[in-house]
């Protein structure tokens, strides 16, 4: 009997025969509708917000419609292998959960980081913990089970604090360090500005800072005893324009493999590798930072080519497994499912997120199977076609 991810849907149909239908949705639009009802408005706004007029966020989403996969028939792979290697780990699928700074507030109990870690353990899909979290990193990693977890670092201008965060991540068992380089300053987000909505300034998702001795030693009182003072100190250390020297310094601080998150230009991919990166992470922060208007899907092939044999993580606009298939075919090693996974926490915590990840993996697996691909390597070899060019595919001349 096979153990393909797509078998999940057979169980759903069998349950229905026995009178049990799912409480949770099976597509991204339904997830978003349920989340809009379940989340506090200020949380939903923050997770949904984009920079500027939102053109980059929308372009991320729309780009996938320009490409398609051409199925091949009579191949029928009965079993598929979706596994990849990343950060020195063998993963069952190419899907991961990117770091989202407010995911801790997306579950009903405001412990979304732990809920996501539990869903990671249940599905084998790695969870990336943001520096901004509701629970300290040491507590979150306890819930990931055998699934590797990644830690995302916003580099502060305090080297002792930065070293402390890095060393804590390594000591507590994270498998990779994601260094975000595109967010040393907040992007211009009108939806958040309209309501003055920056939850971190209200003390949410600050536990990795508050639990660090290198942060607390600058305060007269413990952060929870004098939160305004703690937030004033945080404001002093957050804005730090990164340089390649910073990456070289980070490399000296840890044996963990490092992904540089925020790469969009091929030359920056080469520079990142030259300065210590083990993985390149292509993203524009979901359109929340620079409103530059180019989707990460369009930029991916150039960066992947520049990266060569270096693995390439990717996110941006992924709403369905079909999107992930296209990103993989265009050069991604691993594909991050962003806002949708955070929103799926809102109406059932770890249980509803586990359901969402299983549906996503099922669709991914079935798409490959029905299109005739037994693994990711075959998908990459086939590539994608521009929808406008498909009339020329496979044309024969006598």
Protein backbone atom coordinates (compact mmCIF):
# COMPACT_ATOMS: atom_id res chain seq x y z
CA UNK A 1 0.00 0.00 0.00
CA UNK A 2 1.41 3.39 -0.97
CA UNK A 3 2.19 6.23 1.39
CA UNK A 4 1.75 9.02 -1.14
CA UNK A 5 0.61 12.38 0.24
CA UNK A 6 -2.32 12.26 -2.17
CA UNK A 7 -3.80 9.31 -0.26
CA UNK A 8 -5.04 11.88 2.29
CA UNK A 9 -8.06 12.62 0.12
CA UNK A 10 -9.12 8.95 0.06
CA UNK A 11 -9.44 9.11 3.82
CA UNK A 12 -11.60 12.21 3.52
CA UNK A 13 -13.97 10.43 1.14
CA UNK A 14 -14.14 7.33 3.35
CA UNK A 15 -14.94 9.50 6.36
CA UNK A 16 -17.78 11.12 4.41
CA UNK A 17 -19.25 7.71 3.62
CA UNK A 18 -19.41 7.18 7.38
CA UNK A 19 -21.14 10.52 7.86
CA UNK A 20 -18.09 12.55 8.90
CA UNK A 21 -17.20 15.60 6.84
CA UNK A 22 -14.34 17.98 7.50
CA UNK A 23 -14.78 21.04 9.70
CA UNK A 24 -11.94 22.70 7.82
CA UNK A 25 -11.64 24.06 4.25
CA UNK A 26 -9.65 22.66 1.35
CA UNK A 27 -8.64 25.78 -0.59
CA UNK A 28 -6.90 29.08 0.12
CA UNK A 29 -9.90 31.33 -0.57
CA UNK A 30 -12.00 29.47 1.98
CA UNK A 31 -9.13 29.66 4.48
CA UNK A 32 -8.98 33.42 4.05
CA UNK A 33 -12.74 33.81 4.50
CA UNK A 34 -12.71 31.80 7.72
CA UNK A 35 -9.68 33.69 9.03
CA UNK A 36 -11.34 37.05 8.36
CA UNK A 37 -14.17 35.94 10.62
CA UNK A 38 -12.01 34.31 13.30
CA UNK A 39 -9.11 36.75 13.79
CA UNK A 40 -9.22 40.05 15.65
CA UNK A 41 -9.38 42.77 13.01
CA UNK A 42 -6.00 44.26 13.97
CA UNK A 43 -4.27 40.86 13.60
CA UNK A 44 -5.95 40.12 10.28
CA UNK A 45 -5.00 43.57 8.98
CA UNK A 46 -1.37 43.14 9.97
CA UNK A 47 -1.02 39.70 8.38
CA UNK A 48 -2.79 40.88 5.20
CA UNK A 49 -1.06 44.25 4.83
CA UNK A 50 1.27 45.12 1.96
CA UNK A 51 3.59 48.01 1.32
CA UNK A 52 2.58 51.00 -0.80
CA UNK A 53 -0.38 50.38 -3.08
CA UNK A 54 0.12 46.62 -2.85
CA UNK A 55 1.30 46.12 -6.42
CA UNK A 56 4.19 43.84 -5.44
CA UNK A 57 1.97 41.68 -3.27
CA UNK A 58 -0.58 41.37 -6.08
CA UNK A 59 2.09 40.72 -8.70
CA UNK A 60 3.42 37.89 -6.53
CA UNK A 61 -0.02 36.27 -6.68
CA UNK A 62 -0.80 36.98 -10.33
CA UNK A 63 2.53 35.78 -11.76
CA UNK A 64 1.64 32.09 -11.48
CA UNK A 65 -1.24 32.49 -13.93
CA UNK A 66 1.26 33.19 -16.71
CA UNK A 67 2.80 29.71 -16.49
CA UNK A 68 1.59 26.16 -16.76
CA UNK A 69 2.70 22.54 -16.65
CA UNK A 70 2.06 20.34 -19.68
CA UNK A 71 1.01 16.85 -18.51
CA UNK A 72 2.51 13.74 -20.08
CA UNK A 73 0.35 10.65 -20.36
CA UNK A 74 0.88 6.88 -20.05
CA UNK A 75 3.62 7.30 -17.44
CA UNK A 76 1.43 6.93 -14.35
CA UNK A 77 3.94 6.91 -11.45
CA UNK A 78 2.10 4.89 -8.76
CA UNK A 79 4.46 6.14 -6.08
CA UNK A 80 6.07 9.56 -5.91
CA UNK A 81 9.15 10.84 -4.14
CA UNK A 82 8.75 14.52 -3.22
CA UNK A 83 11.77 14.57 -0.91
CA UNK A 84 14.60 17.11 -1.01
CA UNK A 85 17.82 17.84 0.89
CA UNK A 86 18.11 21.18 2.69
CA UNK A 87 20.35 22.40 5.53
CA UNK A 88 21.94 18.96 5.63
CA UNK A 89 18.56 17.33 6.32
CA UNK A 90 16.52 14.98 4.17
CA UNK A 91 12.96 16.32 4.06
CA UNK A 92 9.87 14.41 2.93
CA UNK A 93 8.63 17.28 0.77
CA UNK A 94 9.86 20.58 -0.70
CA UNK A 95 7.35 22.61 1.36
CA UNK A 96 8.14 24.72 4.44
CA UNK A 97 6.49 27.37 6.58
CA UNK A 98 8.31 30.71 6.25
CA UNK A 99 8.87 32.94 9.27
CA UNK A 100 5.98 35.32 9.94
CA UNK A 101 6.47 37.80 12.74
CA UNK A 102 2.92 37.75 14.03
CA UNK A 103 2.09 34.08 13.57
CA UNK A 104 2.03 33.78 17.36
CA UNK A 105 -1.16 35.85 17.39
CA UNK A 106 -2.88 33.88 14.63
CA UNK A 107 -4.11 30.99 16.76
CA UNK A 108 -7.10 31.37 19.10
CA UNK A 109 -4.90 31.11 22.22
CA UNK A 110 -2.27 33.59 20.93
CA UNK A 111 0.31 30.80 20.97
CA UNK A 112 0.52 30.31 17.24
CA UNK A 113 4.26 29.61 17.19
CA UNK A 114 3.77 26.53 19.35
CA UNK A 115 0.70 25.51 17.34
CA UNK A 116 2.67 25.77 14.10
CA UNK A 117 5.50 23.72 15.63
CA UNK A 118 2.99 21.00 16.54
CA UNK A 119 1.58 21.00 13.02
CA UNK A 120 5.16 20.72 11.75
CA UNK A 121 5.68 17.63 13.89
CA UNK A 122 2.42 16.13 12.60
CA UNK A 123 3.16 16.69 8.90
CA UNK A 124 6.95 16.80 8.44
CA UNK A 125 6.70 20.34 7.02
CA UNK A 126 9.44 22.47 8.65
CA UNK A 127 8.41 25.55 10.62
CA UNK A 128 10.55 28.70 10.61
CA UNK A 129 10.36 30.66 13.85
CA UNK A 130 10.61 34.43 13.55
CA UNK A 131 12.70 36.52 15.91
CA UNK A 132 9.28 37.99 16.75
CA UNK A 133 7.51 35.21 18.64
CA UNK A 134 5.03 34.82 21.45
CA UNK A 135 7.06 32.02 23.05
CA UNK A 136 10.85 31.84 23.43
CA UNK A 137 12.68 29.83 20.79
CA UNK A 138 13.70 27.16 23.32
CA UNK A 139 10.05 26.40 24.09
CA UNK A 140 8.88 26.34 20.46
CA UNK A 141 11.47 23.83 19.24
CA UNK A 142 10.30 21.31 21.86
CA UNK A 143 7.09 20.87 19.87
CA UNK A 144 8.52 20.17 16.39
CA UNK A 145 9.16 16.48 17.07
CA UNK A 146 11.45 14.87 14.49
CA UNK A 147 10.84 17.62 11.92
CA UNK A 148 13.74 20.07 11.55
CA UNK A 149 13.01 23.65 12.60
CA UNK A 150 14.56 26.85 11.24
CA UNK A 151 15.24 30.08 13.12
CA UNK A 152 14.94 33.48 11.44
CA UNK A 153 17.18 36.32 12.63
CA UNK A 154 16.62 40.05 12.39
CA UNK A 155 20.13 41.28 13.07
CA UNK A 156 20.14 44.02 15.72
CA UNK A 157 22.87 46.65 15.99
CA UNK A 158 23.90 45.09 19.33
CA UNK A 159 26.48 42.38 18.56
CA UNK A 160 26.19 40.77 22.00
CA UNK A 161 22.44 40.40 21.60
CA UNK A 162 22.86 39.13 18.04
CA UNK A 163 25.41 36.54 19.15
CA UNK A 164 23.15 35.53 22.02
CA UNK A 165 20.18 34.91 19.72
CA UNK A 166 22.31 32.91 17.28
CA UNK A 167 23.89 30.79 20.01
CA UNK A 168 20.51 30.11 21.61
CA UNK A 169 19.11 28.91 18.28
CA UNK A 170 22.03 26.56 17.75
CA UNK A 171 22.04 25.27 21.33
CA UNK A 172 18.30 24.61 21.38
CA UNK A 173 18.35 22.45 18.25
CA UNK A 174 17.35 24.50 15.21
CA UNK A 175 18.69 23.10 11.95
CA UNK A 176 19.19 26.28 9.95
CA UNK A 177 19.53 30.03 10.39
CA UNK A 178 17.53 32.33 8.10
CA UNK A 179 19.13 35.79 8.07
CA UNK A 180 16.64 38.37 6.83
CA UNK A 181 18.40 41.17 4.96
CA UNK A 182 15.51 43.16 3.45
CA UNK A 183 13.82 44.34 6.64
CA UNK A 184 16.32 46.40 8.60
CA UNK A 185 13.65 49.12 8.38
CA UNK A 186 9.89 48.72 8.10
CA UNK A 187 8.34 49.06 4.68
CA UNK A 188 5.74 51.77 4.10
CA UNK A 189 2.43 50.05 4.91
CA UNK A 190 -0.60 52.35 4.64
CA UNK A 191 -3.04 49.78 6.06
CA UNK A 192 -1.00 49.53 9.26
CA UNK A 193 -0.28 53.26 9.42
CA UNK A 194 -3.98 54.07 9.20
CA UNK A 195 -4.53 52.43 12.59
CA UNK A 196 -1.03 52.79 14.05
CA UNK A 197 -0.95 49.00 13.97
CA UNK A 198 2.51 47.70 14.89
CA UNK A 199 1.80 45.04 17.53
CA UNK A 200 5.43 44.65 18.56
CA UNK A 201 5.30 48.19 19.96
CA UNK A 202 2.51 46.93 22.21
CA UNK A 203 4.71 44.12 23.50
CA UNK A 204 3.37 41.26 21.39
CA UNK A 205 5.72 38.65 19.91
CA UNK A 206 8.76 39.97 21.79
CA UNK A 207 9.65 36.91 23.85
CA UNK A 208 12.93 36.11 22.10
CA UNK A 209 14.14 39.58 23.05
CA UNK A 210 12.63 39.69 26.52
CA UNK A 211 14.07 36.27 27.41
CA UNK A 212 17.61 37.17 26.34
CA UNK A 213 20.06 38.26 29.04
CA UNK A 214 21.88 40.49 26.56
CA UNK A 215 18.67 42.45 26.05
CA UNK A 216 17.55 42.52 29.69
CA UNK A 217 20.88 43.72 31.06
CA UNK A 218 20.31 47.15 29.47
CA UNK A 219 17.11 47.63 31.49
CA UNK A 220 16.66 48.69 35.10
CA UNK A 221 13.70 46.33 35.48
CA UNK A 222 12.70 43.08 33.83
CA UNK A 223 10.95 43.70 30.48
CA UNK A 224 7.56 42.58 31.79
CA UNK A 225 7.85 44.91 34.78
CA UNK A 226 8.56 48.00 32.68
CA UNK A 227 7.46 47.26 29.13
CA UNK A 228 7.67 50.88 27.91
CA UNK A 229 11.36 50.96 28.82
CA UNK A 230 11.91 47.60 27.11
CA UNK A 231 10.23 48.83 23.94
CA UNK A 232 12.27 52.04 23.94
CA UNK A 233 15.43 49.95 24.08
CA UNK A 234 14.17 47.70 21.30
CA UNK A 235 13.53 50.77 19.12
CA UNK A 236 17.20 51.75 19.55
CA UNK A 237 18.59 48.44 18.35
CA UNK A 238 16.18 47.37 15.58
CA UNK A 239 17.23 49.52 12.62
CA UNK A 240 20.54 48.16 11.39
CA UNK A 241 21.35 48.39 7.66
CA UNK A 242 23.10 45.13 6.90
CA UNK A 243 26.34 44.77 4.96
CA UNK A 244 28.24 41.77 3.64
CA UNK A 245 30.62 42.22 6.56
CA UNK A 246 27.68 41.46 8.86
CA UNK A 247 27.11 38.17 7.05
CA UNK A 248 30.79 37.28 7.41
CA UNK A 249 30.52 38.03 11.14
CA UNK A 250 27.41 35.84 11.49
CA UNK A 251 29.31 33.03 9.78
CA UNK A 252 31.95 33.19 12.55
CA UNK A 253 29.27 32.85 15.24
CA UNK A 254 27.69 29.53 14.32
CA UNK A 255 28.14 26.16 12.71
CA UNK A 256 24.53 26.20 11.57
CA UNK A 257 23.96 26.41 7.82
CA UNK A 258 22.88 29.94 6.86
CA UNK A 259 20.23 31.04 4.37
CA UNK A 260 20.26 34.68 3.29
CA UNK A 261 16.62 35.71 3.08
CA UNK A 262 15.60 38.56 0.79
CA UNK A 263 17.72 37.90 -2.31
CA UNK A 264 16.20 39.03 -5.62
CA UNK A 265 19.19 39.88 -7.84
CA UNK A 266 21.60 37.27 -9.29
CA UNK A 267 24.64 39.33 -8.25
CA UNK A 268 23.42 39.37 -4.65
CA UNK A 269 23.10 35.59 -4.76
CA UNK A 270 26.73 35.31 -5.82
CA UNK A 271 27.83 37.77 -3.13
CA UNK A 272 25.89 35.93 -0.47
CA UNK A 273 27.57 32.64 -1.38
CA UNK A 274 30.98 34.31 -1.45
CA UNK A 275 30.37 35.72 2.04
CA UNK A 276 29.26 32.55 3.77
CA UNK A 277 25.71 31.63 2.73
CA UNK A 278 24.86 27.96 2.40
CA UNK A 279 21.37 28.60 1.01
CA UNK A 280 19.86 31.45 -1.02
CA UNK A 281 16.34 32.52 -0.06
CA UNK A 282 14.44 34.35 -2.81
CA UNK A 283 11.67 36.54 -1.39
CA UNK A 284 10.37 40.10 -1.38
CA UNK A 285 8.84 39.67 2.08
CA UNK A 286 5.41 39.00 0.62
CA UNK A 287 5.27 42.51 -0.81
CA UNK A 288 5.55 44.04 2.67
CA UNK A 289 8.87 45.81 2.18
CA UNK A 290 9.95 47.55 -1.04
CA UNK A 291 6.94 48.05 -3.32
CA UNK A 292 9.09 47.44 -6.40
CA UNK A 293 6.47 45.67 -8.47
CA UNK A 294 8.33 42.55 -9.67
CA UNK A 295 7.19 39.14 -8.50
CA UNK A 296 9.63 36.73 -6.94
CA UNK A 297 8.48 34.07 -9.41
CA UNK A 298 9.81 36.14 -12.29
CA UNK A 299 13.11 36.77 -10.49
CA UNK A 300 13.58 33.17 -9.39
CA UNK A 301 15.21 31.63 -12.50
CA UNK A 302 17.95 34.27 -12.69
CA UNK A 303 18.81 33.86 -9.02
CA UNK A 304 18.68 30.06 -9.22
CA UNK A 305 21.07 30.11 -12.18
CA UNK A 306 23.48 32.36 -10.28
CA UNK A 307 23.24 30.12 -7.20
CA UNK A 308 24.38 27.10 -9.19
CA UNK A 309 24.53 24.08 -6.89
CA UNK A 310 23.56 26.14 -3.83
CA UNK A 311 19.97 25.34 -2.70
CA UNK A 312 17.34 28.02 -3.26
CA UNK A 313 14.47 28.58 -0.86
CA UNK A 314 11.57 30.60 -2.22
CA UNK A 315 8.34 32.30 -1.23
CA UNK A 316 5.99 34.92 -2.59
CA UNK A 317 2.33 34.70 -3.49
CA UNK A 318 2.02 30.92 -3.03
CA UNK A 319 -1.63 30.19 -2.38
CA UNK A 320 -2.02 26.68 -3.75
CA UNK A 321 0.07 23.61 -4.44
CA UNK A 322 -0.21 24.43 -8.15
CA UNK A 323 1.72 27.61 -7.42
CA UNK A 324 4.35 25.57 -5.58
CA UNK A 325 4.69 23.18 -8.53
CA UNK A 326 5.37 26.11 -10.86
CA UNK A 327 7.94 27.60 -8.47
CA UNK A 328 9.74 24.27 -8.20
CA UNK A 329 9.77 23.91 -11.98
CA UNK A 330 11.28 27.40 -12.29
CA UNK A 331 14.20 26.61 -10.03
CA UNK A 332 13.22 26.57 -6.35
CA UNK A 333 14.62 23.83 -4.14
CA UNK A 334 12.05 24.45 -1.39
CA UNK A 335 8.85 26.51 -1.50
CA UNK A 336 7.40 28.44 1.42
CA UNK A 337 3.65 28.76 1.95
CA UNK A 338 3.27 32.11 3.71
CA UNK A 339 0.13 33.97 4.70
CA UNK A 340 -2.22 31.05 4.08
CA UNK A 341 -0.62 28.84 6.69
CA UNK A 342 -0.76 31.66 9.24
CA UNK A 343 -4.43 32.30 8.47
CA UNK A 344 -5.26 28.61 8.74
CA UNK A 345 -4.24 28.70 12.40
CA UNK A 346 -7.03 31.14 13.20
CA UNK A 347 -9.99 28.79 13.45
CA UNK A 348 -8.45 25.65 14.94
CA UNK A 349 -4.83 26.16 15.96
CA UNK A 350 -2.51 23.22 15.38
CA UNK A 351 -5.36 20.98 14.23
CA UNK A 352 -6.59 23.29 11.46
CA UNK A 353 -3.05 24.04 10.31
CA UNK A 354 -2.24 20.33 10.20
CA UNK A 355 -5.34 19.84 8.04
CA UNK A 356 -4.27 22.66 5.71
CA UNK A 357 -0.72 21.31 5.30
CA UNK A 358 -2.04 17.82 4.55
CA UNK A 359 -4.38 19.19 1.90
CA UNK A 360 -1.53 21.20 0.39
CA UNK A 361 0.78 18.17 0.26
CA UNK A 362 -2.01 16.05 -1.21
CA UNK A 363 -2.63 18.53 -4.02
CA UNK A 364 1.10 18.83 -4.70
CA UNK A 365 1.52 15.08 -4.89
CA UNK A 366 -1.54 14.55 -7.08
CA UNK A 367 -0.55 17.33 -9.46
CA UNK A 368 2.82 15.68 -10.04
CA UNK A 369 1.25 12.24 -10.38
CA UNK A 370 -1.41 13.24 -12.88
CA UNK A 371 1.09 15.29 -14.90
CA UNK A 372 3.37 12.23 -15.10
CA UNK A 373 6.25 13.16 -12.76
CA UNK A 374 7.56 10.76 -10.16
CA UNK A 375 9.82 13.26 -8.40
CA UNK A 376 10.95 16.88 -8.24
CA UNK A 377 13.92 16.25 -10.55
CA UNK A 378 11.60 15.16 -13.39
CA UNK A 379 9.43 18.23 -12.82
CA UNK A 380 12.44 20.54 -13.02
CA UNK A 381 13.66 18.84 -16.18
CA UNK A 382 10.29 19.41 -17.85
CA UNK A 383 9.98 23.00 -16.66
CA UNK A 384 7.02 25.26 -17.35
CA UNK A 385 5.53 26.94 -20.39
CA UNK A 386 4.25 30.45 -20.81
CA UNK A 387 0.53 30.17 -21.35
CA UNK A 388 0.79 32.43 -24.41
CA UNK A 389 3.36 30.11 -26.03
CA UNK A 390 1.73 26.72 -25.63
CA UNK A 391 0.61 26.57 -29.26
CA UNK A 392 4.23 25.95 -30.24
CA UNK A 393 4.88 23.09 -27.81
CA UNK A 394 5.58 19.72 -29.38
CA UNK A 395 4.89 20.92 -32.92
CA UNK A 396 5.99 18.44 -35.59
CA UNK A 397 7.22 19.17 -39.07
CA UNK A 398 6.97 16.57 -41.82
